[in-house]
Amino acid sequence: MQQEKVKASFFFTGKFYRNPQCWPLIRQLKNDKHYLGGHSDDHLLYCDWNDRKKLLVSKDEFKADLLNNYAQMTMFNVERKDAAYFLPPYEWYNDSISAWTKQLGIHLINYTPGTLSHADYTTSKDKNYRNSQNIYNSIIDYERSKPAGLNGFILLMHIGAGPGRTDKFYAYLPKLFAYLKQKGYQFQTVDQLLETDENH
C-alpha cells in the first residue's frame, strides 16, 4: 500500500487490537493515515447461516461485543467518531443487527458483491477455494462488464490469509493497482467514499 500510495480501510477485531504482535502494524497503518475500524470484539456469528432471521446473540451480547471492540481501538487513539463505519464479522447480519448498530451511532457497511476478492483467505482444501488468478480475473471481468465499472465499489480482501494458503492474493495487488490506475480510478478510504456519496 505504501509503495503504491494507496489508502485503504482496515477492519480489525478486538482480539487483533489486543494482540501485542499486531501493534507495530496497527501503529504503522494509523501513521500512514489508513482508516481503522471495528469488526466485532470476538468475531461472533450474529445470525444463523441457513436462516438469517434467526439471531445467535442477544441485543446485550451484541452491544457488549461491539463496544468492547471499540474500547480496544482507543488504545491507538481511534475514537468512535473516527471509526463510524463497522464491518460485521463474517459480513453476515440481519435487520436486527443493523438496527442495533444504528442505535449505537455506528453505521454498518458491507462489501460490494460481484467479485471473488473475499475468497482470498480460502485454502486448496476448502470447497469454496478460489485461486488468486481466478480472483484477479473476477475483478477485471467485473470492471470491464459493468457500465459503472468499479466506481464506488468496496473491494474486500483479508489482511492475512494464514499459512494454509500458499497462493497469496497480495502478490497480485501491484498488477491490480497498475490496471486500475491506468483506467483512471482513485482509491479512497470508506469514510471518504461514503461521506462523498452522502453529500451528493
C-alpha atoms as a PDB file:
ATOM      1  CA  MET A   1       0.000   0.000   0.000  1.00  0.00           C
ATOM      2  CA  GLN A   2       2.774   2.377   0.943  1.00  0.00           C
ATOM      3  CA  GLN A   3       4.722   1.750  -2.268  1.00  0.00           C
ATOM      4  CA  GLU A   4       1.586   2.214  -4.358  1.00  0.00           C
ATOM      5  CA  LYS A   5       0.483   5.323  -2.410  1.00  0.00           C
ATOM      6  CA  VAL A   6      -2.938   3.732  -1.945  1.00  0.00           C
ATOM      7  CA  LYS A   7      -5.114   4.409   1.095  1.00  0.00           C
ATOM      8  CA  ALA A   8      -7.230   1.545   2.371  1.00  0.00           C
ATOM      9  CA  SER A   9      -9.619   0.694   5.199  1.00  0.00           C
ATOM     10  CA  PHE A  10      -8.782  -1.967   7.765  1.00  0.00           C
ATOM     11  CA  PHE A  11     -11.436  -3.539   9.993  1.00  0.00           C
ATOM     12  CA  PHE A  12      -9.947  -5.465  12.913  1.00  0.00           C
ATOM     13  CA  THR A  13     -11.443  -7.436  15.794  1.00  0.00           C
ATOM     14  CA  GLY A  14     -10.830  -6.527  19.400  1.00  0.00           C
ATOM     15  CA  LYS A  15      -8.662  -9.652  19.616  1.00  0.00           C
ATOM     16  CA  PHE A  16      -6.455  -8.236  16.865  1.00  0.00           C
ATOM     17  CA  TYR A  17      -6.184  -4.834  18.547  1.00  0.00           C
ATOM     18  CA  ARG A  18      -5.280  -6.551  21.857  1.00  0.00           C
ATOM     19  CA  ASN A  19      -2.530  -8.704  20.360  1.00  0.00           C
ATOM     20  CA  PRO A  20       0.883  -7.097  21.049  1.00  0.00           C
ATOM     21  CA  GLN A  21       2.294  -8.779  17.935  1.00  0.00           C
ATOM     22  CA  CYS A  22      -0.131  -6.708  15.851  1.00  0.00           C
ATOM     23  CA  TRP A  23       0.618  -3.362  17.485  1.00  0.00           C
ATOM     24  CA  PRO A  24       3.511  -2.310  15.187  1.00  0.00           C
ATOM     25  CA  LEU A  25       1.334  -2.950  12.134  1.00  0.00           C
ATOM     26  CA  ILE A  26      -1.650  -1.086  13.578  1.00  0.00           C
ATOM     27  CA  ARG A  27       0.516   1.893  14.517  1.00  0.00           C
ATOM     28  CA  GLN A  28       2.058   1.941  11.047  1.00  0.00           C
ATOM     29  CA  LEU A  29      -1.354   1.860   9.363  1.00  0.00           C
ATOM     30  CA  LYS A  30      -2.567   4.708  11.554  1.00  0.00           C
ATOM     31  CA  ASN A  31       0.572   6.758  10.909  1.00  0.00           C
ATOM     32  CA  ASP A  32       0.076   6.217   7.175  1.00  0.00           C
ATOM     33  CA  LYS A  33      -3.478   7.572   7.540  1.00  0.00           C
ATOM     34  CA  HIS A  34      -5.364   4.443   6.577  1.00  0.00           C
ATOM     35  CA  TYR A  35      -8.874   4.014   8.025  1.00  0.00           C
ATOM     36  CA  LEU A  36      -9.046   1.811  11.116  1.00  0.00           C
ATOM     37  CA  GLY A  37     -12.419   0.348  12.017  1.00  0.00           C
ATOM     38  CA  GLY A  38     -14.152  -2.369  14.005  1.00  0.00           C
ATOM     39  CA  HIS A  39     -15.012  -5.959  13.068  1.00  0.00           C
ATOM     40  CA  SER A  40     -16.549  -7.074  16.420  1.00  0.00           C
ATOM     41  CA  ASP A  41     -14.557  -7.936  19.518  1.00  0.00           C
ATOM     42  CA  ASP A  42     -14.631 -11.725  19.339  1.00  0.00           C
ATOM     43  CA  HIS A  43     -15.659 -12.329  15.693  1.00  0.00           C
ATOM     44  CA  LEU A  44     -19.038 -13.731  16.723  1.00  0.00           C
ATOM     45  CA  LEU A  45     -21.515 -15.196  14.274  1.00  0.00           C
ATOM     46  CA  TYR A  46     -24.522 -12.942  14.837  1.00  0.00           C
ATOM     47  CA  CYS A  47     -27.160 -14.943  12.957  1.00  0.00           C
ATOM     48  CA  ASP A  48     -27.705 -18.411  11.555  1.00  0.00           C
ATOM     49  CA  TRP A  49     -26.040 -19.277   8.226  1.00  0.00           C
ATOM     50  CA  ASN A  50     -29.148 -21.083   6.978  1.00  0.00           C
ATOM     51  CA  ASP A  51     -31.779 -18.756   8.443  1.00  0.00           C
ATOM     52  CA  ARG A  52     -30.541 -15.188   8.569  1.00  0.00           C
ATOM     53  CA  LYS A  53     -33.604 -14.111  10.587  1.00  0.00           C
ATOM     54  CA  LYS A  54     -32.505 -16.384  13.450  1.00  0.00           C
ATOM     55  CA  LEU A  55     -30.277 -14.423  15.835  1.00  0.00           C
ATOM     56  CA  LEU A  56     -27.477 -16.230  17.668  1.00  0.00           C
ATOM     57  CA  VAL A  57     -26.794 -13.336  20.066  1.00  0.00           C
ATOM     58  CA  SER A  58     -28.975 -11.192  22.275  1.00  0.00           C
ATOM     59  CA  LYS A  59     -29.047  -7.409  21.968  1.00  0.00           C
ATOM     60  CA  ASP A  60     -26.954  -7.107  25.153  1.00  0.00           C
ATOM     61  CA  GLU A  61     -24.402  -9.630  23.872  1.00  0.00           C
ATOM     62  CA  PHE A  62     -24.149  -7.813  20.570  1.00  0.00           C
ATOM     63  CA  LYS A  63     -23.782  -4.418  22.229  1.00  0.00           C
ATOM     64  CA  ALA A  64     -21.068  -5.678  24.590  1.00  0.00           C
ATOM     65  CA  ASP A  65     -19.193  -7.334  21.734  1.00  0.00           C
ATOM     66  CA  LEU A  66     -19.209  -4.235  19.544  1.00  0.00           C
ATOM     67  CA  LEU A  67     -18.417  -1.752  22.316  1.00  0.00           C
ATOM     68  CA  ASN A  68     -15.555  -3.935  23.557  1.00  0.00           C
ATOM     69  CA  ASN A  69     -14.143  -3.806  20.020  1.00  0.00           C
ATOM     70  CA  TYR A  70     -14.297  -0.014  20.042  1.00  0.00           C
ATOM     71  CA  ALA A  71     -12.792   0.132  23.537  1.00  0.00           C
ATOM     72  CA  GLN A  72      -9.698  -1.678  22.249  1.00  0.00           C
ATOM     73  CA  MET A  73      -9.368   0.816  19.392  1.00  0.00           C
ATOM     74  CA  THR A  74      -8.910   3.665  21.859  1.00  0.00           C
ATOM     75  CA  MET A  75      -5.500   2.180  22.682  1.00  0.00           C
ATOM     76  CA  PHE A  76      -4.457   3.593  19.316  1.00  0.00           C
ATOM     77  CA  ASN A  77      -6.313   6.893  19.750  1.00  0.00           C
ATOM     78  CA  VAL A  78      -9.105   5.744  17.460  1.00  0.00           C
ATOM     79  CA  GLU A  79     -12.369   7.016  18.938  1.00  0.00           C
ATOM     80  CA  ARG A  80     -15.864   6.077  17.856  1.00  0.00           C
ATOM     81  CA  LYS A  81     -16.210   9.353  15.948  1.00  0.00           C
ATOM     82  CA  ASP A  82     -13.092   8.398  13.967  1.00  0.00           C
ATOM     83  CA  ALA A  83     -14.474   4.976  13.066  1.00  0.00           C
ATOM     84  CA  ALA A  84     -18.139   5.491  12.319  1.00  0.00           C
ATOM     85  CA  TYR A  85     -18.274   2.564   9.874  1.00  0.00           C
ATOM     86  CA  PHE A  86     -18.374  -1.023  11.108  1.00  0.00           C
ATOM     87  CA  LEU A  87     -17.888  -4.223   9.083  1.00  0.00           C
ATOM     88  CA  PRO A  88     -19.739  -7.111  10.798  1.00  0.00           C
ATOM     89  CA  PRO A  89     -17.944 -10.414  11.367  1.00  0.00           C
ATOM     90  CA  TYR A  90     -18.286 -12.889   8.504  1.00  0.00           C
ATOM     91  CA  GLU A  91     -20.007  -9.996   6.683  1.00  0.00           C
ATOM     92  CA  TRP A  92     -23.201 -11.703   7.857  1.00  0.00           C
ATOM     93  CA  TYR A  93     -26.015  -9.904   9.681  1.00  0.00           C
ATOM     94  CA  ASN A  94     -29.757  -9.193   9.609  1.00  0.00           C
ATOM     95  CA  ASP A  95     -32.048  -6.205  10.113  1.00  0.00           C
ATOM     96  CA  SER A  96     -31.849  -6.503  13.922  1.00  0.00           C
ATOM     97  CA  ILE A  97     -28.056  -6.247  13.871  1.00  0.00           C
ATOM     98  CA  SER A  98     -28.292  -3.289  11.516  1.00  0.00           C
ATOM     99  CA  ALA A  99     -30.811  -1.527  13.775  1.00  0.00           C
ATOM    100  CA  TRP A 100     -28.813  -2.193  16.945  1.00  0.00           C
ATOM    101  CA  THR A 101     -25.675  -0.851  15.284  1.00  0.00           C
ATOM    102  CA  LYS A 102     -27.513   2.318  14.305  1.00  0.00           C
ATOM    103  CA  GLN A 103     -28.790   2.778  17.869  1.00  0.00           C
ATOM    104  CA  LEU A 104     -25.146   2.944  18.979  1.00  0.00           C
ATOM    105  CA  GLY A 105     -24.486   5.721  16.481  1.00  0.00           C
ATOM    106  CA  ILE A 106     -22.431   3.465  14.219  1.00  0.00           C
ATOM    107  CA  HIS A 107     -23.014   2.715  10.530  1.00  0.00           C
ATOM    108  CA  LEU A 108     -22.982  -0.935   9.450  1.00  0.00           C
ATOM    109  CA  ILE A 109     -21.475  -1.477   5.999  1.00  0.00           C
ATOM    110  CA  ASN A 110     -20.641  -4.428   3.781  1.00  0.00           C
ATOM    111  CA  TYR A 111     -18.504  -5.106   0.747  1.00  0.00           C
ATOM    112  CA  THR A 112     -19.854  -4.752  -2.779  1.00  0.00           C
ATOM    113  CA  PRO A 113     -20.753  -8.187  -4.208  1.00  0.00           C
ATOM    114  CA  GLY A 114     -19.815  -9.328  -7.697  1.00  0.00           C
ATOM    115  CA  THR A 115     -16.176 -10.416  -7.480  1.00  0.00           C
ATOM    116  CA  LEU A 116     -14.287 -13.217  -5.748  1.00  0.00           C
ATOM    117  CA  SER A 117     -11.963 -10.916  -3.788  1.00  0.00           C
ATOM    118  CA  HIS A 118     -13.459 -12.028  -0.468  1.00  0.00           C
ATOM    119  CA  ALA A 119     -12.290 -15.622  -1.156  1.00  0.00           C
ATOM    120  CA  ASP A 120      -8.612 -14.712  -0.807  1.00  0.00           C
ATOM    121  CA  TYR A 121      -8.462 -16.489   2.590  1.00  0.00           C
ATOM    122  CA  THR A 122      -9.547 -19.904   1.259  1.00  0.00           C
ATOM    123  CA  THR A 123      -7.140 -22.824   1.010  1.00  0.00           C
ATOM    124  CA  SER A 124      -6.917 -25.600  -1.561  1.00  0.00           C
ATOM    125  CA  LYS A 125      -8.622 -27.947   0.924  1.00  0.00           C
ATOM    126  CA  ASP A 126     -11.743 -25.766   1.093  1.00  0.00           C
ATOM    127  CA  LYS A 127     -14.813 -26.437  -1.039  1.00  0.00           C
ATOM    128  CA  ASN A 128     -15.066 -22.726  -1.793  1.00  0.00           C
ATOM    129  CA  TYR A 129     -11.371 -22.378  -2.717  1.00  0.00           C
ATOM    130  CA  ARG A 130     -10.553 -19.806  -5.389  1.00  0.00           C
ATOM    131  CA  ASN A 131      -7.020 -19.392  -6.648  1.00  0.00           C
ATOM    132  CA  SER A 132      -5.537 -15.924  -6.935  1.00  0.00           C
ATOM    133  CA  GLN A 133      -5.586 -15.823 -10.711  1.00  0.00           C
ATOM    134  CA  ASN A 134      -9.337 -16.517 -10.696  1.00  0.00           C
ATOM    135  CA  ILE A 135      -9.853 -13.846  -8.042  1.00  0.00           C
ATOM    136  CA  TYR A 136      -7.887 -11.333 -10.085  1.00  0.00           C
ATOM    137  CA  ASN A 137      -9.776 -12.250 -13.261  1.00  0.00           C
ATOM    138  CA  SER A 138     -13.131 -11.819 -11.497  1.00  0.00           C
ATOM    139  CA  ILE A 139     -12.247  -8.249 -10.549  1.00  0.00           C
ATOM    140  CA  ILE A 140     -11.059  -7.346 -14.044  1.00  0.00           C
ATOM    141  CA  ASP A 141     -14.084  -9.038 -15.648  1.00  0.00           C
ATOM    142  CA  TYR A 142     -16.467  -7.115 -13.376  1.00  0.00           C
ATOM    143  CA  GLU A 143     -14.739  -3.826 -14.131  1.00  0.00           C
ATOM    144  CA  ARG A 144     -14.963  -4.422 -17.881  1.00  0.00           C
ATOM    145  CA  SER A 145     -18.515  -5.736 -17.956  1.00  0.00           C
ATOM    146  CA  LYS A 146     -20.378  -3.194 -15.805  1.00  0.00           C
ATOM    147  CA  PRO A 147     -21.351   0.258 -17.139  1.00  0.00           C
ATOM    148  CA  ALA A 148     -20.059   1.920 -13.959  1.00  0.00           C
ATOM    149  CA  GLY A 149     -17.064  -0.382 -13.705  1.00  0.00           C
ATOM    150  CA  LEU A 150     -15.706  -0.325 -10.155  1.00  0.00           C
ATOM    151  CA  ASN A 151     -16.798   3.228  -9.356  1.00  0.00           C
ATOM    152  CA  GLY A 152     -17.973   3.360  -5.734  1.00  0.00           C
ATOM    153  CA  PHE A 153     -17.010  -0.296  -5.265  1.00  0.00           C
ATOM    154  CA  ILE A 154     -15.933  -1.600  -1.834  1.00  0.00           C
ATOM    155  CA  LEU A 155     -13.487  -4.404  -2.593  1.00  0.00           C
ATOM    156  CA  LEU A 156     -12.994  -6.735   0.367  1.00  0.00           C
ATOM    157  CA  MET A 157      -9.692  -8.534   0.921  1.00  0.00           C
ATOM    158  CA  HIS A 158      -8.178 -10.111   4.022  1.00  0.00           C
ATOM    159  CA  ILE A 159      -5.009  -8.733   5.547  1.00  0.00           C
ATOM    160  CA  GLY A 160      -3.862 -12.237   6.475  1.00  0.00           C
ATOM    161  CA  ALA A 161      -4.711 -15.467   4.698  1.00  0.00           C
ATOM    162  CA  GLY A 162      -2.772 -17.746   7.037  1.00  0.00           C
ATOM    163  CA  PRO A 163      -0.070 -20.311   6.262  1.00  0.00           C
ATOM    164  CA  GLY A 164      -2.610 -22.757   4.819  1.00  0.00           C
ATOM    165  CA  ARG A 165      -2.946 -20.647   1.675  1.00  0.00           C
ATOM    166  CA  THR A 166       0.277 -20.666  -0.302  1.00  0.00           C
ATOM    167  CA  ASP A 167      -1.213 -18.796  -3.286  1.00  0.00           C
ATOM    168  CA  LYS A 168      -1.293 -15.339  -1.695  1.00  0.00           C
ATOM    169  CA  PHE A 169      -3.509 -12.823  -3.455  1.00  0.00           C
ATOM    170  CA  TYR A 170      -1.448  -9.878  -2.243  1.00  0.00           C
ATOM    171  CA  ALA A 171       1.150 -10.833  -4.864  1.00  0.00           C
ATOM    172  CA  TYR A 172      -1.403  -9.699  -7.482  1.00  0.00           C
ATOM    173  CA  LEU A 173      -2.005  -6.288  -5.924  1.00  0.00           C
ATOM    174  CA  PRO A 174       0.726  -4.372  -7.808  1.00  0.00           C
ATOM    175  CA  LYS A 175      -0.711  -5.624 -11.107  1.00  0.00           C
ATOM    176  CA  LEU A 176      -4.247  -4.816  -9.997  1.00  0.00           C
ATOM    177  CA  PHE A 177      -3.311  -1.317  -8.820  1.00  0.00           C
ATOM    178  CA  ALA A 178      -1.468  -0.633 -12.075  1.00  0.00           C
ATOM    179  CA  TYR A 179      -4.503  -1.691 -14.120  1.00  0.00           C
ATOM    180  CA  LEU A 180      -6.949   0.401 -12.089  1.00  0.00           C
ATOM    181  CA  LYS A 181      -4.702   3.466 -12.050  1.00  0.00           C
ATOM    182  CA  GLN A 182      -4.288   3.204 -15.812  1.00  0.00           C
ATOM    183  CA  LYS A 183      -8.098   3.203 -16.081  1.00  0.00           C
ATOM    184  CA  GLY A 184      -8.247   6.418 -14.044  1.00  0.00           C
ATOM    185  CA  TYR A 185      -9.552   5.056 -10.734  1.00  0.00           C
ATOM    186  CA  GLN A 186      -8.767   6.793  -7.475  1.00  0.00           C
ATOM    187  CA  PHE A 187      -8.557   4.904  -4.199  1.00  0.00           C
ATOM    188  CA  GLN A 188     -10.415   6.125  -1.135  1.00  0.00           C
ATOM    189  CA  THR A 189     -10.984   5.011   2.423  1.00  0.00           C
ATOM    190  CA  VAL A 190     -14.560   4.040   3.280  1.00  0.00           C
ATOM    191  CA  ASP A 191     -15.234   7.247   5.176  1.00  0.00           C
ATOM    192  CA  GLN A 192     -14.084   9.326   2.201  1.00  0.00           C
ATOM    193  CA  LEU A 193     -16.130   7.221  -0.211  1.00  0.00           C
ATOM    194  CA  LEU A 194     -19.360   7.068   1.806  1.00  0.00           C
ATOM    195  CA  GLU A 195     -19.316  10.621   3.072  1.00  0.00           C
ATOM    196  CA  THR A 196     -18.808  11.816  -0.506  1.00  0.00           C
ATOM    197  CA  ASP A 197     -21.835   9.749  -1.568  1.00  0.00           C
ATOM    198  CA  GLU A 198     -23.946  11.166   1.277  1.00  0.00           C
ATOM    199  CA  ASN A 199     -23.107  14.721   0.218  1.00  0.00           C
ATOM    200  CA  HIS A 200     -24.330  14.219  -3.367  1.00  0.00           C
END
